[in-house]
Amino acid sequence: MPKEYLRSLCDEIVHAPKPIRVLRAINWDPHVHERFFKAGARELPRPEYPALGFSLKDKRREAQRPDPQ
């Protein structure tokens, strides 16, 4: 693989999480967190998460782009 291609992939990986904000998207609401621990943390809650704000299909398509050779 050309060095430039590897560098561009590394740059994409480093910058990818910024617009997605994964941790914020999957973080429990404070009330869910509180109920979980008050109940003894025996069973995971099933919170509803807000929409991510991007298309999973589009992100998959971006990740599967052809390898330039």
Protein backbone atom coordinates (compact mmCIF):
# COMPACT_ATOMS: atom_id res chain seq x y z
CA MET A 1 0.00 0.00 0.00
CA PRO A 2 1.29 3.46 -0.77
CA LYS A 3 2.37 5.46 2.25
CA GLU A 4 0.03 8.34 1.28
CA TYR A 5 -2.99 6.02 1.24
CA LEU A 6 -2.18 4.70 4.72
CA ARG A 7 -1.74 8.25 5.96
CA SER A 8 -5.13 9.28 4.57
CA LEU A 9 -6.81 6.27 6.24
CA CYS A 10 -5.20 7.16 9.57
CA ASP A 11 -6.42 10.74 9.20
CA GLU A 12 -9.96 9.54 8.49
CA ILE A 13 -9.96 7.28 11.54
CA VAL A 14 -8.74 10.09 13.79
CA HIS A 15 -11.35 12.53 12.48
CA ALA A 16 -14.28 10.12 12.12
CA PRO A 17 -15.55 10.14 15.73
CA LYS A 18 -15.71 13.91 15.97
CA PRO A 19 -18.87 14.50 13.94
CA ILE A 20 -20.50 11.27 15.10
CA ARG A 21 -20.08 11.86 18.86
CA VAL A 22 -20.55 8.19 19.68
CA LEU A 23 -20.24 8.42 23.44
CA ARG A 24 -22.84 11.15 23.72
CA ALA A 25 -25.18 9.17 21.48
CA ILE A 26 -25.11 6.06 23.67
CA ASN A 27 -24.79 7.68 27.09
CA TRP A 28 -27.64 6.90 29.47
CA ASP A 29 -29.93 9.67 30.59
CA PRO A 30 -29.14 10.59 34.23
CA HIS A 31 -32.50 9.19 35.36
CA VAL A 32 -31.77 5.83 33.71
CA HIS A 33 -28.35 5.77 35.36
CA GLU A 34 -29.82 6.57 38.78
CA ARG A 35 -32.58 3.92 38.54
CA PHE A 36 -30.06 1.30 37.39
CA PHE A 37 -27.83 1.75 40.42
CA LYS A 38 -30.71 2.17 42.88
CA ALA A 39 -32.00 -1.22 41.70
CA GLY A 40 -28.66 -2.82 42.57
CA ALA A 41 -27.23 -2.80 39.01
CA ARG A 42 -28.49 -6.35 38.44
CA GLU A 43 -30.22 -5.90 35.08
CA LEU A 44 -29.23 -3.54 32.29
CA PRO A 45 -31.83 -0.91 31.43
CA ARG A 46 -33.33 -0.63 27.96
CA PRO A 47 -33.22 3.11 27.33
CA GLU A 48 -34.40 4.71 24.12
CA TYR A 49 -31.72 6.64 22.32
CA PRO A 50 -32.23 9.73 20.14
CA ALA A 51 -31.59 9.59 16.40
CA LEU A 52 -27.89 9.76 15.50
CA GLY A 53 -28.25 12.51 12.93
CA PHE A 54 -26.64 10.59 10.06
CA SER A 55 -27.48 7.69 7.79
CA LEU A 56 -25.92 4.35 8.70
CA LYS A 57 -26.12 3.33 5.03
CA ASP A 58 -24.10 6.40 4.02
CA LYS A 59 -21.46 5.71 6.68
CA ARG A 60 -21.17 2.07 5.59
CA ARG A 61 -20.77 3.16 1.98
CA GLU A 62 -17.98 5.58 3.00
CA ALA A 63 -16.20 2.82 4.92
CA GLN A 64 -16.38 0.41 1.99
CA ARG A 65 -14.80 2.67 -0.59
CA PRO A 66 -12.48 0.85 -2.97
CA ASP A 67 -8.80 0.50 -2.19
CA PRO A 68 -6.79 2.69 -4.64
CA GLN A 69 -3.92 0.75 -6.20
